[in-house]
Protein backbone atom coordinates (compact mmCIF):
# COMPACT_ATOMS: atom_id res chain seq x y z
CA UNK A 1 101.84 79.38 83.76
CA UNK A 2 101.34 82.58 81.61
CA UNK A 3 101.28 85.07 84.56
CA UNK A 4 103.90 87.70 84.10
CA UNK A 5 105.75 87.66 87.40
CA UNK A 6 108.28 89.79 89.12
CA UNK A 7 110.17 88.44 92.03
CA UNK A 8 111.61 91.01 94.29
CA UNK A 9 114.29 88.88 96.38
CA UNK A 10 116.05 90.27 99.77
CA UNK A 11 119.21 88.17 99.61
CA UNK A 12 120.18 89.62 103.37
CA UNK A 13 116.84 88.25 104.72
CA UNK A 14 116.87 85.35 107.26
CA UNK A 15 120.66 86.05 108.42
CA UNK A 16 121.83 86.38 105.03
CA UNK A 17 120.66 82.79 104.27
CA UNK A 18 118.08 83.84 101.73
CA UNK A 19 121.30 84.57 99.40
CA UNK A 20 122.83 81.13 99.98
CA UNK A 21 119.22 79.65 99.36
CA UNK A 22 118.44 81.19 96.30
CA UNK A 23 119.74 78.37 94.01
CA UNK A 24 117.65 76.22 95.73
CA UNK A 25 114.68 78.51 95.75
CA UNK A 26 115.15 79.03 91.73
CA UNK A 27 115.39 75.08 91.18
CA UNK A 28 112.39 74.34 93.26
CA UNK A 29 110.25 77.06 91.61
CA UNK A 30 111.04 75.83 88.26
CA UNK A 31 110.48 72.03 89.11
CA UNK A 32 107.09 73.35 89.70
CA UNK A 33 106.76 75.40 86.56
CA UNK A 34 106.62 78.88 87.84
CA UNK A 35 108.35 81.42 85.70
CA UNK A 36 109.34 84.66 86.94
CA UNK A 37 111.77 87.87 86.31
CA UNK A 38 114.05 88.08 89.45
CA UNK A 39 115.72 91.51 91.06
CA UNK A 40 117.55 91.44 93.79
CA UNK A 41 117.40 94.39 96.50
CA UNK A 42 120.57 96.22 96.90
CA UNK A 43 119.92 98.38 100.27
CA UNK A 44 117.23 100.06 102.11
CA UNK A 45 114.14 101.48 100.02
CA UNK A 46 114.97 99.42 97.01
CA UNK A 47 112.24 96.93 97.29
CA UNK A 48 109.75 100.03 97.36
CA UNK A 49 111.31 101.37 94.12
CA UNK A 50 111.26 97.80 92.48
CA UNK A 51 107.56 97.30 93.05
CA UNK A 52 106.50 100.75 92.02
CA UNK A 53 108.28 99.99 88.67
CA UNK A 54 106.82 96.29 88.49
CA UNK A 55 103.48 97.62 88.82
CA UNK A 56 104.06 100.44 86.19
CA UNK A 57 105.70 97.80 83.84
CA UNK A 58 102.32 95.83 83.89
CA UNK A 59 103.54 92.82 85.53
CA UNK A 60 100.55 90.63 86.72
CA UNK A 61 102.17 89.45 90.09
CA UNK A 62 104.73 90.83 92.17
CA UNK A 63 106.44 88.11 94.66
CA UNK A 64 108.21 89.59 97.79
CA UNK A 65 110.79 87.32 99.02
CA UNK A 66 112.18 88.29 102.56
CA UNK A 67 111.24 89.33 105.95
CA UNK A 68 108.38 91.80 107.20
CA UNK A 69 110.88 94.76 106.38
CA UNK A 70 110.87 93.70 102.63
CA UNK A 71 107.29 93.11 102.55
CA UNK A 72 106.90 96.60 103.86
CA UNK A 73 108.84 98.38 101.39
CA UNK A 74 107.07 96.09 98.53
CA UNK A 75 103.47 97.01 99.66
CA UNK A 76 104.73 100.63 99.92
CA UNK A 77 105.59 100.72 96.58
CA UNK A 78 102.49 99.14 95.22
CA UNK A 79 100.31 101.54 96.97
CA UNK A 80 102.53 104.77 96.07
CA UNK A 81 100.68 104.71 92.65
CA UNK A 82 97.65 103.18 93.85
CA UNK A 83 98.31 100.14 91.87
CA UNK A 84 96.20 96.99 92.16
CA UNK A 85 99.12 94.44 91.23
CA UNK A 86 98.54 91.25 93.46
CA UNK A 87 101.07 90.58 95.74
CA UNK A 88 102.52 87.05 96.88
CA UNK A 89 104.84 86.76 99.94
CA UNK A 90 107.51 84.25 100.01
CA UNK A 91 108.71 84.04 103.48
CA UNK A 92 112.63 84.21 103.84
CA UNK A 93 113.08 86.41 106.99
CA UNK A 94 113.31 85.85 110.76
CA UNK A 95 110.14 86.47 111.83
CA UNK A 96 107.43 87.03 109.02
CA UNK A 97 104.63 87.57 111.31
CA UNK A 98 102.30 88.72 108.43
CA UNK A 99 102.99 85.67 106.72
CA UNK A 100 102.47 83.59 109.59
CA UNK A 101 99.27 85.12 110.46
CA UNK A 102 98.08 84.62 106.98
CA UNK A 103 99.49 80.92 106.68
CA UNK A 104 101.58 81.44 103.77
CA UNK A 105 103.36 78.18 103.13
CA UNK A 106 107.24 77.93 103.32
CA UNK A 107 106.95 74.26 101.49
CA UNK A 108 107.79 74.79 97.87
CA UNK A 109 105.02 72.53 96.42
CA UNK A 110 102.42 74.22 98.57
CA UNK A 111 103.69 77.51 97.86
CA UNK A 112 103.55 77.09 93.76
CA UNK A 113 100.02 75.40 94.26
CA UNK A 114 99.03 78.67 96.15
CA UNK A 115 100.34 80.64 93.08
CA UNK A 116 98.74 78.64 90.62
CA UNK A 117 95.41 78.85 92.18
CA UNK A 118 95.64 82.49 92.36
CA UNK A 119 93.41 82.81 94.91
CA UNK A 120 93.01 86.77 96.11
CA UNK A 121 92.18 87.95 99.39
CA UNK A 122 91.56 91.97 99.71
CA UNK A 123 93.93 92.65 102.94
CA UNK A 124 93.87 95.78 105.05
CA UNK A 125 96.95 97.98 105.53
CA UNK A 126 97.71 100.81 108.10
CA UNK A 127 99.07 104.32 107.40
CA UNK A 128 101.01 106.47 109.95
CA UNK A 129 101.68 109.91 108.23
CA UNK A 130 102.77 109.21 104.71
CA UNK A 131 104.05 105.70 105.02
CA UNK A 132 102.08 102.50 105.29
CA UNK A 133 102.54 99.54 107.10
CA UNK A 134 101.16 96.07 106.68
CA UNK A 135 101.95 94.43 110.12
CA UNK A 136 102.51 97.04 113.26
CA UNK A 137 103.29 100.45 114.06
CA UNK A 138 104.71 100.76 117.47
CA UNK A 139 106.73 103.08 119.98
CA UNK A 140 108.47 102.70 123.26
CA UNK A 141 110.18 100.00 125.23
CA UNK A 142 112.51 98.17 122.87
CA UNK A 143 110.77 98.85 119.64
CA UNK A 144 113.84 100.13 118.34
CA UNK A 145 116.16 97.06 118.79
CA UNK A 146 115.17 95.64 115.34
CA UNK A 147 116.94 98.98 113.61
CA UNK A 148 119.51 99.66 116.24
CA UNK A 149 121.30 96.15 115.58
CA UNK A 150 123.76 96.52 112.98
CA UNK A 151 123.04 94.64 109.67
CA UNK A 152 126.10 92.46 109.95
CA UNK A 153 125.59 91.38 113.44
CA UNK A 154 122.12 90.42 112.51
CA UNK A 155 123.37 88.24 109.47
CA UNK A 156 125.71 86.57 111.88
CA UNK A 157 123.46 86.10 115.09
CA UNK A 158 119.79 86.39 113.62
CA UNK A 159 117.19 86.60 116.38
CA UNK A 160 119.75 86.18 118.97
CA UNK A 161 121.10 89.53 118.13
CA UNK A 162 117.28 91.10 118.84
CA UNK A 163 117.56 89.06 122.13
CA UNK A 164 120.84 90.13 123.38
CA UNK A 165 120.38 94.08 122.51
CA UNK A 166 116.81 93.89 124.06
CA UNK A 167 118.35 92.32 127.19
CA UNK A 168 120.91 95.08 127.35
CA UNK A 169 118.71 97.99 126.78
CA UNK A 170 115.79 96.45 129.18
CA UNK A 171 116.84 97.77 132.67
CA UNK A 172 117.42 101.16 131.27
CA UNK A 173 114.09 101.17 129.44
CA UNK A 174 112.05 100.19 132.37
CA UNK A 175 113.06 103.35 133.94
CA UNK A 176 112.02 105.49 131.08
CA UNK A 177 108.33 105.63 130.46
CA UNK A 178 106.76 107.78 127.96
CA UNK A 179 103.77 110.33 128.69
CA UNK A 180 101.62 109.76 125.66
CA UNK A 181 98.22 110.91 124.55
CA UNK A 182 96.04 108.83 122.42
CA UNK A 183 92.79 109.92 120.81
CA UNK A 184 90.26 107.90 119.01
CA UNK A 185 86.50 107.44 118.95
CA UNK A 186 86.55 104.26 120.83
CA UNK A 187 89.08 105.14 123.71
CA UNK A 188 91.26 107.98 124.99
CA UNK A 189 94.38 107.68 126.94
CA UNK A 190 96.59 110.09 128.84
CA UNK A 191 99.11 108.00 130.84
CA UNK A 192 102.91 107.06 131.10
CA UNK A 193 103.30 104.06 129.14
CA UNK A 194 106.08 101.64 128.32
CA UNK A 195 104.82 100.71 125.04
CA UNK A 196 102.23 100.90 122.40
CA UNK A 197 101.21 98.78 119.53
CA UNK A 198 98.93 99.25 116.64
CA UNK A 199 98.46 96.04 114.85
CA UNK A 200 96.94 94.82 111.84
CA UNK A 201 97.50 90.83 112.63
CA UNK A 202 97.44 88.84 115.66
CA UNK A 203 101.17 88.07 115.48
CA UNK A 204 103.92 90.85 116.46
CA UNK A 205 107.63 90.29 117.16
CA UNK A 206 107.13 86.55 117.65
CA UNK A 207 104.32 87.04 119.96
CA UNK A 208 101.67 85.06 117.95
CA UNK A 209 98.82 86.21 119.99
CA UNK A 210 99.62 89.68 120.74
CA UNK A 211 96.38 91.18 119.38
CA UNK A 212 94.10 88.23 119.49
CA UNK A 213 91.15 89.68 118.00
CA UNK A 214 92.96 91.26 115.33
CA UNK A 215 91.88 90.51 111.66
CA UNK A 216 93.39 91.44 108.17
CA UNK A 217 90.13 92.16 106.58
CA UNK A 218 87.87 93.99 109.31
CA UNK A 219 88.85 97.52 108.32
CA UNK A 220 90.20 98.07 111.88
CA UNK A 221 93.56 98.35 113.93
CA UNK A 222 93.99 96.94 116.95
CA UNK A 223 95.64 98.99 119.61
CA UNK A 224 97.53 97.61 122.58
CA UNK A 225 99.17 99.77 125.30
CA UNK A 226 101.19 98.54 128.16
CA UNK A 227 101.15 101.25 130.95
CA UNK A 228 104.23 101.95 133.29
CA UNK A 229 104.95 99.11 135.96
CA UNK A 230 107.92 97.75 137.91
CA UNK A 231 109.89 95.10 136.48
CA UNK A 232 108.16 92.66 138.89
CA UNK A 233 105.01 93.33 137.36
CA UNK A 234 106.38 93.24 134.06
CA UNK A 235 107.81 89.86 134.04
CA UNK A 236 104.69 87.90 134.72
CA UNK A 237 103.11 90.28 132.15
CA UNK A 238 105.48 88.80 129.39
CA UNK A 239 104.71 85.41 130.41
CA UNK A 240 100.78 86.47 130.11
CA UNK A 241 101.91 87.94 126.52
CA UNK A 242 103.33 84.83 125.47
CA UNK A 243 100.04 82.71 126.29
CA UNK A 244 98.10 85.33 124.97
CA UNK A 245 96.52 85.93 128.41
CA UNK A 246 97.58 89.43 128.71
CA UNK A 247 94.20 91.34 127.92
CA UNK A 248 92.94 90.47 131.75
CA UNK A 249 95.99 92.58 132.97
CA UNK A 250 94.87 95.76 134.58
CA UNK A 251 97.85 97.54 133.44
CA UNK A 252 97.34 96.78 129.61
CA UNK A 253 94.64 98.70 127.49
CA UNK A 254 93.24 96.92 124.32
CA UNK A 255 90.68 98.10 121.89
CA UNK A 256 89.90 98.46 118.16
CA UNK A 257 89.71 101.72 115.89
CA UNK A 258 89.73 102.81 112.44
CA UNK A 259 91.93 105.92 113.34
CA UNK A 260 93.85 107.28 116.32
CA UNK A 261 96.06 110.44 116.98
CA UNK A 262 99.10 109.60 119.27
CA UNK A 263 101.37 112.44 120.57
CA UNK A 264 103.70 112.73 123.36
CA UNK A 265 105.22 115.45 125.64
CA UNK A 266 108.62 113.33 125.85
CA UNK A 267 111.47 115.67 125.23
CA UNK A 268 113.10 113.22 123.24
CA UNK A 269 111.56 112.38 119.99
CA UNK A 270 109.61 109.08 120.04
CA UNK A 271 110.25 107.28 116.76
CA UNK A 272 107.64 104.99 115.55
CA UNK A 273 108.64 101.30 114.36
CA UNK A 274 106.90 100.34 111.06
CA UNK A 275 107.01 96.46 110.42
CA UNK A 276 110.52 96.47 112.06
CA UNK A 277 112.12 99.76 110.18
CA UNK A 278 112.35 103.23 111.55
CA UNK A 279 109.78 105.29 110.86
CA UNK A 280 108.87 109.15 111.53
CA UNK A 281 108.31 110.37 115.20
CA UNK A 282 105.44 111.36 117.01
CA UNK A 283 102.71 113.01 116.79
CA UNK A 284 101.22 111.02 114.30
CA UNK A 285 97.95 109.95 112.90
CA UNK A 286 97.68 106.13 112.22
CA UNK A 287 94.38 105.01 110.10
CA UNK A 288 93.26 101.88 108.52
CA UNK A 289 93.35 101.32 104.91
CA UNK A 290 90.67 98.83 104.24
CA UNK A 291 91.41 96.21 101.38
CA UNK A 292 94.15 98.06 100.30
CA UNK A 293 96.44 95.10 99.24
CA UNK A 294 95.23 92.21 96.84
CA UNK A 295 97.31 89.39 98.61
CA UNK A 296 97.28 85.58 97.05
CA UNK A 297 96.39 83.22 99.92
CA UNK A 298 96.25 79.37 100.28
């Protein structure tokens, strides 16, 4: 195909498996006639820089190969200069919540067929302060696990690293609720909470129906708040969350909005998690950016 394509490839994605798998990826893409220029990311923020430059250099398509963190960087790079360069995601991470929600294929033949068809869907993004996110902005219980786990441990243990770290932190975090204030046109909340999630898709952190009404093209963000409760109430709630039945729980608030303001009286700074990466702290204004991304979809 004649499309000038830049592949931004994170070799550390998928527990480091992406680096070992690249020769297979290269051979498979070549087999189906996909030509591209590739650059490997070298550390945090590099994907954002590469995406911005690819758009400025006039590439017709940018492919982000990695997990949600890699995709986050690439999207921020494209949105930095308000570029309209189409984006394709090549899932190579551990969770890939965004790619899962959009049914992006992992099979090489189906993936290359998607590229050739070049079907573009305008997809929403979110903005928290000056940073953008494509899947989730969150704060509170266990949301710091993703960036507290050292990268070398992630590489060896993968998702198990998150599970072990979360299990260690859980008892202490259950005792630490956050006094939070949320303001929006649709709903105001003032309460002690364990967790808040602002999502663009249904799938968050491997919970495939955490925000069951979410859509990437409705111009809205879905807000989920877990209010303070004891461990014996939380465990059944976790089961409900796995099954997508948690919206009926009286200690859960859920609503959709275009914009919300979040602040806290907590003495220690409450950090935002943006697509699994550490963001700025509260207070924050979080808003939807309708049709911000031109994404290739099946």
